[in-house]
């Protein structure tokens, strides 16, 4: 059996080894390219929240006069063949799958702009000009409060969907909706109570940053959703949804308390009454 992490004994996870090799080759290519002033990592690989499976957010600062003609794919190709890529809006970067496979996001900035862009953290790999990066960025308390408020209100305005989906017999879509509530609502509302950057983090990594107790709670909810999908039991589906609704309420109230907001109690109460009155099959 392949090792699940690179933290046990001397085993090295193959994904981690491939990623490390690509980072090294990208840095070598950047170092050799006269147009590239600096190269660095951002995202989880720069702030210490990465693990063996984290993807690569690779940035380069390119001399201003060369930036418009800089061929990002040519430099990436020196590290590994590009299997598929998509341009980011504005053409400032590409997202790629490299041979291996290796997941890479590659951003090219104008060198004159790089010192002035606020960033959470950087891990410098190449610096030919002594760039003074502006690190330590965090979203303002007001911005986080708006994100918390929007998440809660957007969720509660759609509270009638579970009943409507099950009345249509859409069990698969209902299960997807329930997992989405856990993944996109409960997890960030839990995380934001101890991580102001929760809504700015990759949604695929948020769960990993929860406390052990929080992660066990969302795992339990997800398992119940999958069990309900297999059984297609009306009573079990109601019980599972009420647990999810309760978890949204707890996480939402906690996040509201942390950021000075009021939780929409009336909307939550109306939704719960609706479920208990009109849940399909009961």
Foldseek 3Di string as FASTA:
>chain_A
DQDPFCPPDNHAHLQLVLQVQLVVQLLVLLQPDPQWQWKWWAACVFPVNDGSNDATEIETAGAQVCQVVDDPQVSSVSRFAFPDWDADPPRQWIWTFGPVTGTYTYGYHHNVCQQPDEGQGIGTSDHNDPRNHRHNDFDDLVVLLVVLVCLQVVVLVCLCVLQVCVVVVNLVVNLVVQLCLLQVQLLLLQQCLPGRCSVVHDSVCSLVPHDPVSNVLSVVLNVLSVVCSVVVDLVSVLVSVVSSLVSNVVSSVSSCVSSVHDRPVVSSVVSNVCCVPRRPPD
